Amino acid sequence: MLRCVRTTIRLDDALLREAKALAARTGRTLTAVIEDGLRETLSRHKKRRNRVPTAMLTFKGKGLRPGLDLDDTAGILDIMDGGR
């Protein structure tokens, strides 16, 4: 048997309206909608925490090319095409 605890939380008015509307559309209680949202958020954070870091393999060198920015897709494509 699950033990339930009462608590008070503050929610943004628009968020509360959306949650109530979802509960009404799906025939569920507001509590069930909030619990599901909280479970989903906690699950996502747990998955991130359990991720194994991926090592980036490099060849013929000691890492990334000087000046290479992995956040600059256009720059990477330019280098791959022989532009820089």
PDB file of N, CA and C in Angstrom:
ATOM      1  N   MET A   1       0.838  -1.182   0.000  1.00  0.00           N
ATOM      2  CA  MET A   1       0.000   0.000   0.000  1.00  0.00           C
ATOM      3  C   MET A   1       0.885   1.248   0.000  1.00  0.00           C
ATOM      4  N   LEU A   2       0.580   2.174  -0.892  1.00  0.00           N
ATOM      5  CA  LEU A   2       1.340   3.420  -0.969  1.00  0.00           C
ATOM      6  C   LEU A   2       0.934   4.370   0.137  1.00  0.00           C
ATOM      7  N   ARG A   3       1.900   5.026   0.686  1.00  0.00           N
ATOM      8  CA  ARG A   3       1.633   6.041   1.699  1.00  0.00           C
ATOM      9  C   ARG A   3       1.586   7.387   1.004  1.00  0.00           C
ATOM     10  N   CYS A   4       0.523   8.117   1.180  1.00  0.00           N
ATOM     11  CA  CYS A   4       0.365   9.426   0.551  1.00  0.00           C
ATOM     12  C   CYS A   4       0.490  10.516   1.595  1.00  0.00           C
ATOM     13  N   VAL A   5       1.121  11.597   1.215  1.00  0.00           N
ATOM     14  CA  VAL A   5       1.336  12.728   2.105  1.00  0.00           C
ATOM     15  C   VAL A   5       0.713  13.954   1.464  1.00  0.00           C
ATOM     16  N   ARG A   6       0.060  14.754   2.244  1.00  0.00           N
ATOM     17  CA  ARG A   6      -0.488  16.017   1.750  1.00  0.00           C
ATOM     18  C   ARG A   6       0.591  17.083   1.855  1.00  0.00           C
ATOM     19  N   THR A   7       0.635  17.932   0.850  1.00  0.00           N
ATOM     20  CA  THR A   7       1.586  19.037   0.867  1.00  0.00           C
ATOM     21  C   THR A   7       0.988  20.197   0.094  1.00  0.00           C
ATOM     22  N   THR A   8       1.563  21.344   0.257  1.00  0.00           N
ATOM     23  CA  THR A   8       1.111  22.523  -0.472  1.00  0.00           C
ATOM     24  C   THR A   8       2.224  22.948  -1.414  1.00  0.00           C
ATOM     25  N   ILE A   9       1.857  23.186  -2.662  1.00  0.00           N
ATOM     26  CA  ILE A   9       2.823  23.684  -3.637  1.00  0.00           C
ATOM     27  C   ILE A   9       2.244  24.907  -4.315  1.00  0.00           C
ATOM     28  N   ARG A  10       3.111  25.750  -4.812  1.00  0.00           N
ATOM     29  CA  ARG A  10       2.679  26.925  -5.571  1.00  0.00           C
ATOM     30  C   ARG A  10       2.945  26.670  -7.036  1.00  0.00           C
ATOM     31  N   LEU A  11       1.915  26.878  -7.859  1.00  0.00           N
ATOM     32  CA  LEU A  11       2.038  26.676  -9.291  1.00  0.00           C
ATOM     33  C   LEU A  11       1.662  27.955 -10.023  1.00  0.00           C
ATOM     34  N   ASP A  12       2.305  28.160 -11.144  1.00  0.00           N
ATOM     35  CA  ASP A  12       1.940  29.248 -12.029  1.00  0.00           C
ATOM     36  C   ASP A  12       0.476  29.048 -12.438  1.00  0.00           C
ATOM     37  N   ASP A  13      -0.309  30.135 -12.475  1.00  0.00           N
ATOM     38  CA  ASP A  13      -1.737  30.033 -12.794  1.00  0.00           C
ATOM     39  C   ASP A  13      -1.989  29.355 -14.138  1.00  0.00           C
ATOM     40  N   ALA A  14      -1.222  29.722 -15.154  1.00  0.00           N
ATOM     41  CA  ALA A  14      -1.421  29.141 -16.486  1.00  0.00           C
ATOM     42  C   ALA A  14      -1.095  27.642 -16.471  1.00  0.00           C
ATOM     43  N   LEU A  15      -0.051  27.264 -15.762  1.00  0.00           N
ATOM     44  CA  LEU A  15       0.330  25.854 -15.667  1.00  0.00           C
ATOM     45  C   LEU A  15      -0.761  25.056 -14.961  1.00  0.00           C
ATOM     46  N   LEU A  16      -1.304  25.619 -13.908  1.00  0.00           N
ATOM     47  CA  LEU A  16      -2.376  24.946 -13.177  1.00  0.00           C
ATOM     48  C   LEU A  16      -3.609  24.780 -14.063  1.00  0.00           C
ATOM     49  N   ARG A  17      -3.959  25.806 -14.829  1.00  0.00           N
ATOM     50  CA  ARG A  17      -5.109  25.702 -15.732  1.00  0.00           C
ATOM     51  C   ARG A  17      -4.896  24.581 -16.753  1.00  0.00           C
ATOM     52  N   GLU A  18      -3.666  24.534 -17.320  1.00  0.00           N
ATOM     53  CA  GLU A  18      -3.369  23.473 -18.294  1.00  0.00           C
ATOM     54  C   GLU A  18      -3.453  22.093 -17.664  1.00  0.00           C
ATOM     55  N   ALA A  19      -2.923  21.967 -16.460  1.00  0.00           N
ATOM     56  CA  ALA A  19      -2.941  20.676 -15.770  1.00  0.00           C
ATOM     57  C   ALA A  19      -4.372  20.245 -15.465  1.00  0.00           C
ATOM     58  N   LYS A  20      -5.202  21.191 -15.022  1.00  0.00           N
ATOM     59  CA  LYS A  20      -6.611  20.872 -14.742  1.00  0.00           C
ATOM     60  C   LYS A  20      -7.340  20.472 -16.017  1.00  0.00           C
ATOM     61  N   ALA A  21      -7.054  21.165 -17.109  1.00  0.00           N
ATOM     62  CA  ALA A  21      -7.693  20.839 -18.385  1.00  0.00           C
ATOM     63  C   ALA A  21      -7.275  19.446 -18.853  1.00  0.00           C
ATOM     64  N   LEU A  22      -5.989  19.113 -18.710  1.00  0.00           N
ATOM     65  CA  LEU A  22      -5.514  17.785 -19.089  1.00  0.00           C
ATOM     66  C   LEU A  22      -6.191  16.721 -18.231  1.00  0.00           C
ATOM     67  N   ALA A  23      -6.301  16.978 -16.943  1.00  0.00           N
ATOM     68  CA  ALA A  23      -6.952  16.022 -16.044  1.00  0.00           C
ATOM     69  C   ALA A  23      -8.400  15.799 -16.474  1.00  0.00           C
ATOM     70  N   ALA A  24      -9.104  16.866 -16.814  1.00  0.00           N
ATOM     71  CA  ALA A  24     -10.502  16.750 -17.231  1.00  0.00           C
ATOM     72  C   ALA A  24     -10.623  15.987 -18.554  1.00  0.00           C
ATOM     73  N   ARG A  25      -9.738  16.308 -19.517  1.00  0.00           N
ATOM     74  CA  ARG A  25      -9.778  15.640 -20.826  1.00  0.00           C
ATOM     75  C   ARG A  25      -9.497  14.146 -20.727  1.00  0.00           C
ATOM     76  N   THR A  26      -8.622  13.784 -19.801  1.00  0.00           N
ATOM     77  CA  THR A  26      -8.199  12.381 -19.700  1.00  0.00           C
ATOM     78  C   THR A  26      -8.938  11.612 -18.605  1.00  0.00           C
ATOM     79  N   GLY A  27      -9.851  12.296 -17.907  1.00  0.00           N
ATOM     80  CA  GLY A  27     -10.630  11.631 -16.866  1.00  0.00           C
ATOM     81  C   GLY A  27      -9.803  11.226 -15.659  1.00  0.00           C
ATOM     82  N   ARG A  28      -8.767  11.998 -15.380  1.00  0.00           N
ATOM     83  CA  ARG A  28      -7.892  11.696 -14.246  1.00  0.00           C
ATOM     84  C   ARG A  28      -7.971  12.831 -13.238  1.00  0.00           C
ATOM     85  N   THR A  29      -7.411  12.601 -12.086  1.00  0.00           N
ATOM     86  CA  THR A  29      -7.380  13.658 -11.077  1.00  0.00           C
ATOM     87  C   THR A  29      -6.197  14.589 -11.342  1.00  0.00           C
ATOM     88  N   LEU A  30      -6.289  15.794 -10.805  1.00  0.00           N
ATOM     89  CA  LEU A  30      -5.181  16.737 -10.904  1.00  0.00           C
ATOM     90  C   LEU A  30      -3.944  16.144 -10.228  1.00  0.00           C
ATOM     91  N   THR A  31      -4.133  15.472  -9.122  1.00  0.00           N
ATOM     92  CA  THR A  31      -3.018  14.837  -8.417  1.00  0.00           C
ATOM     93  C   THR A  31      -2.312  13.827  -9.322  1.00  0.00           C
ATOM     94  N   ALA A  32      -3.082  13.014 -10.047  1.00  0.00           N
ATOM     95  CA  ALA A  32      -2.482  12.008 -10.935  1.00  0.00           C
ATOM     96  C   ALA A  32      -1.673  12.669 -12.040  1.00  0.00           C
ATOM     97  N   VAL A  33      -2.186  13.763 -12.593  1.00  0.00           N
ATOM     98  CA  VAL A  33      -1.465  14.477 -13.656  1.00  0.00           C
ATOM     99  C   VAL A  33      -0.157  15.044 -13.115  1.00  0.00           C
ATOM    100  N   ILE A  34      -0.196  15.658 -11.951  1.00  0.00           N
ATOM    101  CA  ILE A  34       1.014  16.239 -11.346  1.00  0.00           C
ATOM    102  C   ILE A  34       2.007  15.134 -10.993  1.00  0.00           C
ATOM    103  N   GLU A  35       1.529  14.024 -10.430  1.00  0.00           N
ATOM    104  CA  GLU A  35       2.419  12.908 -10.096  1.00  0.00           C
ATOM    105  C   GLU A  35       3.112  12.363 -11.345  1.00  0.00           C
ATOM    106  N   ASP A  36       2.357  12.192 -12.437  1.00  0.00           N
ATOM    107  CA  ASP A  36       2.948  11.687 -13.676  1.00  0.00           C
ATOM    108  C   ASP A  36       4.027  12.628 -14.200  1.00  0.00           C
ATOM    109  N   GLY A  37       3.758  13.926 -14.163  1.00  0.00           N
ATOM    110  CA  GLY A  37       4.748  14.905 -14.620  1.00  0.00           C
ATOM    111  C   GLY A  37       6.011  14.866 -13.776  1.00  0.00           C
ATOM    112  N   LEU A  38       5.843  14.748 -12.491  1.00  0.00           N
ATOM    113  CA  LEU A  38       6.991  14.678 -11.590  1.00  0.00           C
ATOM    114  C   LEU A  38       7.781  13.388 -11.809  1.00  0.00           C
ATOM    115  N   ARG A  39       7.075  12.268 -11.981  1.00  0.00           N
ATOM    116  CA  ARG A  39       7.764  10.995 -12.254  1.00  0.00           C
ATOM    117  C   ARG A  39       8.573  11.073 -13.544  1.00  0.00           C
ATOM    118  N   GLU A  40       7.969  11.663 -14.580  1.00  0.00           N
ATOM    119  CA  GLU A  40       8.668  11.774 -15.868  1.00  0.00           C
ATOM    120  C   GLU A  40       9.932  12.621 -15.735  1.00  0.00           C
ATOM    121  N   THR A  41       9.834  13.739 -15.049  1.00  0.00           N
ATOM    122  CA  THR A  41      10.990  14.616 -14.858  1.00  0.00           C
ATOM    123  C   THR A  41      12.087  13.905 -14.063  1.00  0.00           C
ATOM    124  N   LEU A  42      11.718  13.237 -12.986  1.00  0.00           N
ATOM    125  CA  LEU A  42      12.707  12.519 -12.180  1.00  0.00           C
ATOM    126  C   LEU A  42      13.355  11.395 -12.981  1.00  0.00           C
ATOM    127  N   SER A  43      12.583  10.714 -13.806  1.00  0.00           N
ATOM    128  CA  SER A  43      13.114   9.633 -14.635  1.00  0.00           C
ATOM    129  C   SER A  43      14.142  10.155 -15.633  1.00  0.00           C
ATOM    130  N   ARG A  44      13.842  11.296 -16.273  1.00  0.00           N
ATOM    131  CA  ARG A  44      14.785  11.877 -17.236  1.00  0.00           C
ATOM    132  C   ARG A  44      16.097  12.248 -16.566  1.00  0.00           C
ATOM    133  N   HIS A  45      16.031  12.839 -15.384  1.00  0.00           N
ATOM    134  CA  HIS A  45      17.256  13.226 -14.678  1.00  0.00           C
ATOM    135  C   HIS A  45      18.045  11.993 -14.249  1.00  0.00           C
ATOM    136  N   LYS A  46      17.357  10.951 -13.860  1.00  0.00           N
ATOM    137  CA  LYS A  46      18.022   9.713 -13.461  1.00  0.00           C
ATOM    138  C   LYS A  46      18.756   9.108 -14.658  1.00  0.00           C
ATOM    139  N   LYS A  47      18.126   9.116 -15.835  1.00  0.00           N
ATOM    140  CA  LYS A  47      18.754   8.564 -17.033  1.00  0.00           C
ATOM    141  C   LYS A  47      20.010   9.350 -17.387  1.00  0.00           C
ATOM    142  N   ARG A  48      19.956  10.677 -17.268  1.00  0.00           N
ATOM    143  CA  ARG A  48      21.128  11.503 -17.567  1.00  0.00           C
ATOM    144  C   ARG A  48      22.269  11.188 -16.621  1.00  0.00           C
ATOM    145  N   ARG A  49      21.939  11.006 -15.358  1.00  0.00           N
ATOM    146  CA  ARG A  49      22.950  10.746 -14.343  1.00  0.00           C
ATOM    147  C   ARG A  49      23.627   9.401 -14.570  1.00  0.00           C
ATOM    148  N   ASN A  50      22.886   8.430 -15.130  1.00  0.00           N
ATOM    149  CA  ASN A  50      23.414   7.082 -15.319  1.00  0.00           C
ATOM    150  C   ASN A  50      24.126   6.898 -16.657  1.00  0.00           C
ATOM    151  N   ARG A  51      24.195   7.935 -17.473  1.00  0.00           N
ATOM    152  CA  ARG A  51      24.857   7.825 -18.772  1.00  0.00           C
ATOM    153  C   ARG A  51      26.354   7.618 -18.618  1.00  0.00           C
ATOM    154  N   VAL A  52      26.878   6.760 -19.460  1.00  0.00           N
ATOM    155  CA  VAL A  52      28.321   6.524 -19.479  1.00  0.00           C
ATOM    156  C   VAL A  52      28.924   7.526 -20.459  1.00  0.00           C
ATOM    157  N   PRO A  53      29.927   8.301 -20.036  1.00  0.00           N
ATOM    158  CA  PRO A  53      30.533   9.267 -20.953  1.00  0.00           C
ATOM    159  C   PRO A  53      31.128   8.570 -22.172  1.00  0.00           C
ATOM    160  N   THR A  54      30.969   9.200 -23.306  1.00  0.00           N
ATOM    161  CA  THR A  54      31.496   8.656 -24.545  1.00  0.00           C
ATOM    162  C   THR A  54      32.807   9.348 -24.870  1.00  0.00           C
ATOM    163  N   ALA A  55      33.816   8.563 -25.121  1.00  0.00           N
ATOM    164  CA  ALA A  55      35.109   9.128 -25.493  1.00  0.00           C
ATOM    165  C   ALA A  55      35.107   9.422 -26.986  1.00  0.00           C
ATOM    166  N   MET A  56      35.627  10.576 -27.371  1.00  0.00           N
ATOM    167  CA  MET A  56      35.725  10.918 -28.778  1.00  0.00           C
ATOM    168  C   MET A  56      37.060  10.389 -29.296  1.00  0.00           C
ATOM    169  N   LEU A  57      36.966   9.522 -30.282  1.00  0.00           N
ATOM    170  CA  LEU A  57      38.175   8.938 -30.849  1.00  0.00           C
ATOM    171  C   LEU A  57      38.818   9.921 -31.817  1.00  0.00           C
ATOM    172  N   THR A  58      40.106  10.053 -31.722  1.00  0.00           N
ATOM    173  CA  THR A  58      40.853  10.891 -32.667  1.00  0.00           C
ATOM    174  C   THR A  58      41.965  10.047 -33.272  1.00  0.00           C
ATOM    175  N   PHE A  59      42.382  10.420 -34.453  1.00  0.00           N
ATOM    176  CA  PHE A  59      43.413   9.663 -35.151  1.00  0.00           C
ATOM    177  C   PHE A  59      44.522  10.609 -35.579  1.00  0.00           C
ATOM    178  N   LYS A  60      45.734  10.104 -35.563  1.00  0.00           N
ATOM    179  CA  LYS A  60      46.900  10.871 -35.998  1.00  0.00           C
ATOM    180  C   LYS A  60      47.010  12.210 -35.277  1.00  0.00           C
ATOM    181  N   GLY A  61      47.017  12.195 -33.996  1.00  0.00           N
ATOM    182  CA  GLY A  61      47.172  13.443 -33.276  1.00  0.00           C
ATOM    183  C   GLY A  61      46.854  13.281 -31.813  1.00  0.00           C
ATOM    184  N   LYS A  62      46.776  14.407 -31.153  1.00  0.00           N
ATOM    185  CA  LYS A  62      46.548  14.393 -29.711  1.00  0.00           C
ATOM    186  C   LYS A  62      45.236  15.067 -29.350  1.00  0.00           C
ATOM    187  N   GLY A  63      44.286  15.065 -30.231  1.00  0.00           N
ATOM    188  CA  GLY A  63      43.001  15.668 -29.900  1.00  0.00           C
ATOM    189  C   GLY A  63      42.427  16.412 -31.083  1.00  0.00           C
ATOM    190  N   LEU A  64      41.594  17.386 -30.770  1.00  0.00           N
ATOM    191  CA  LEU A  64      40.941  18.161 -31.817  1.00  0.00           C
ATOM    192  C   LEU A  64      41.923  19.080 -32.527  1.00  0.00           C
ATOM    193  N   ARG A  65      41.614  19.355 -33.738  1.00  0.00           N
ATOM    194  CA  ARG A  65      42.411  20.287 -34.526  1.00  0.00           C
ATOM    195  C   ARG A  65      42.347  21.676 -33.875  1.00  0.00           C
ATOM    196  N   PRO A  66      43.463  22.379 -33.761  1.00  0.00           N
ATOM    197  CA  PRO A  66      43.442  23.715 -33.153  1.00  0.00           C
ATOM    198  C   PRO A  66      42.433  24.615 -33.874  1.00  0.00           C
ATOM    199  N   GLY A  67      41.637  25.302 -33.097  1.00  0.00           N
ATOM    200  CA  GLY A  67      40.654  26.221 -33.664  1.00  0.00           C
ATOM    201  C   GLY A  67      39.334  25.569 -34.027  1.00  0.00           C
ATOM    202  N   LEU A  68      39.237  24.249 -33.885  1.00  0.00           N
ATOM    203  CA  LEU A  68      37.999  23.551 -34.219  1.00  0.00           C
ATOM    204  C   LEU A  68      37.002  23.724 -33.086  1.00  0.00           C
ATOM    205  N   ASP A  69      35.819  24.168 -33.423  1.00  0.00           N
ATOM    206  CA  ASP A  69      34.754  24.363 -32.442  1.00  0.00           C
ATOM    207  C   ASP A  69      33.650  23.366 -32.761  1.00  0.00           C
ATOM    208  N   LEU A  70      33.434  22.399 -31.885  1.00  0.00           N
ATOM    209  CA  LEU A  70      32.437  21.367 -32.133  1.00  0.00           C
ATOM    210  C   LEU A  70      31.012  21.912 -32.137  1.00  0.00           C
ATOM    211  N   ASP A  71      30.814  23.112 -31.662  1.00  0.00           N
ATOM    212  CA  ASP A  71      29.492  23.744 -31.697  1.00  0.00           C
ATOM    213  C   ASP A  71      29.264  24.504 -32.994  1.00  0.00           C
ATOM    214  N   ASP A  72      30.276  24.597 -33.841  1.00  0.00           N
ATOM    215  CA  ASP A  72      30.191  25.336 -35.110  1.00  0.00           C
ATOM    216  C   ASP A  72      30.093  24.340 -36.268  1.00  0.00           C
ATOM    217  N   THR A  73      28.878  23.903 -36.552  1.00  0.00           N
ATOM    218  CA  THR A  73      28.669  22.896 -37.589  1.00  0.00           C
ATOM    219  C   THR A  73      29.161  23.373 -38.948  1.00  0.00           C
ATOM    220  N   ALA A  74      28.877  24.622 -39.283  1.00  0.00           N
ATOM    221  CA  ALA A  74      29.309  25.156 -40.578  1.00  0.00           C
ATOM    222  C   ALA A  74      30.832  25.132 -40.683  1.00  0.00           C
ATOM    223  N   GLY A  75      31.509  25.479 -39.605  1.00  0.00           N
ATOM    224  CA  GLY A  75      32.977  25.467 -39.602  1.00  0.00           C
ATOM    225  C   GLY A  75      33.531  24.069 -39.770  1.00  0.00           C
ATOM    226  N   ILE A  76      32.898  23.081 -39.116  1.00  0.00           N
ATOM    227  CA  ILE A  76      33.348  21.698 -39.246  1.00  0.00           C
ATOM    228  C   ILE A  76      33.170  21.221 -40.679  1.00  0.00           C
ATOM    229  N   LEU A  77      32.016  21.527 -41.281  1.00  0.00           N
ATOM    230  CA  LEU A  77      31.769  21.127 -42.654  1.00  0.00           C
ATOM    231  C   LEU A  77      32.768  21.786 -43.605  1.00  0.00           C
ATOM    232  N   ASP A  78      33.101  23.043 -43.323  1.00  0.00           N
ATOM    233  CA  ASP A  78      34.073  23.751 -44.145  1.00  0.00           C
ATOM    234  C   ASP A  78      35.441  23.058 -44.091  1.00  0.00           C
ATOM    235  N   ILE A  79      35.856  22.666 -42.889  1.00  0.00           N
ATOM    236  CA  ILE A  79      37.120  21.960 -42.721  1.00  0.00           C
ATOM    237  C   ILE A  79      37.084  20.618 -43.439  1.00  0.00           C
ATOM    238  N   MET A  80      35.976  19.907 -43.318  1.00  0.00           N
ATOM    239  CA  MET A  80      35.842  18.603 -43.956  1.00  0.00           C
ATOM    240  C   MET A  80      35.895  18.717 -45.483  1.00  0.00           C
ATOM    241  N   ASP A  81      35.411  19.843 -45.987  1.00  0.00           N
ATOM    242  CA  ASP A  81      35.432  20.067 -47.442  1.00  0.00           C
ATOM    243  C   ASP A  81      36.764  20.653 -47.912  1.00  0.00           C
ATOM    244  N   GLY A  82      37.714  20.825 -46.999  1.00  0.00           N
ATOM    245  CA  GLY A  82      39.033  21.321 -47.352  1.00  0.00           C
ATOM    246  C   GLY A  82      39.129  22.832 -47.392  1.00  0.00           C
ATOM    247  N   GLY A  83      38.166  23.530 -46.822  1.00  0.00           N
ATOM    248  CA  GLY A  83      38.143  24.997 -46.873  1.00  0.00           C
ATOM    249  C   GLY A  83      39.123  25.666 -45.946  1.00  0.00           C
ATOM    250  N   ARG A  84      39.414  25.089 -44.794  1.00  0.00           N
ATOM    251  CA  ARG A  84      40.329  25.772 -43.856  1.00  0.00           C
ATOM    252  C   ARG A  84      41.532  24.904 -43.583  1.00  0.00           C
TER     253      ARG A  84
END
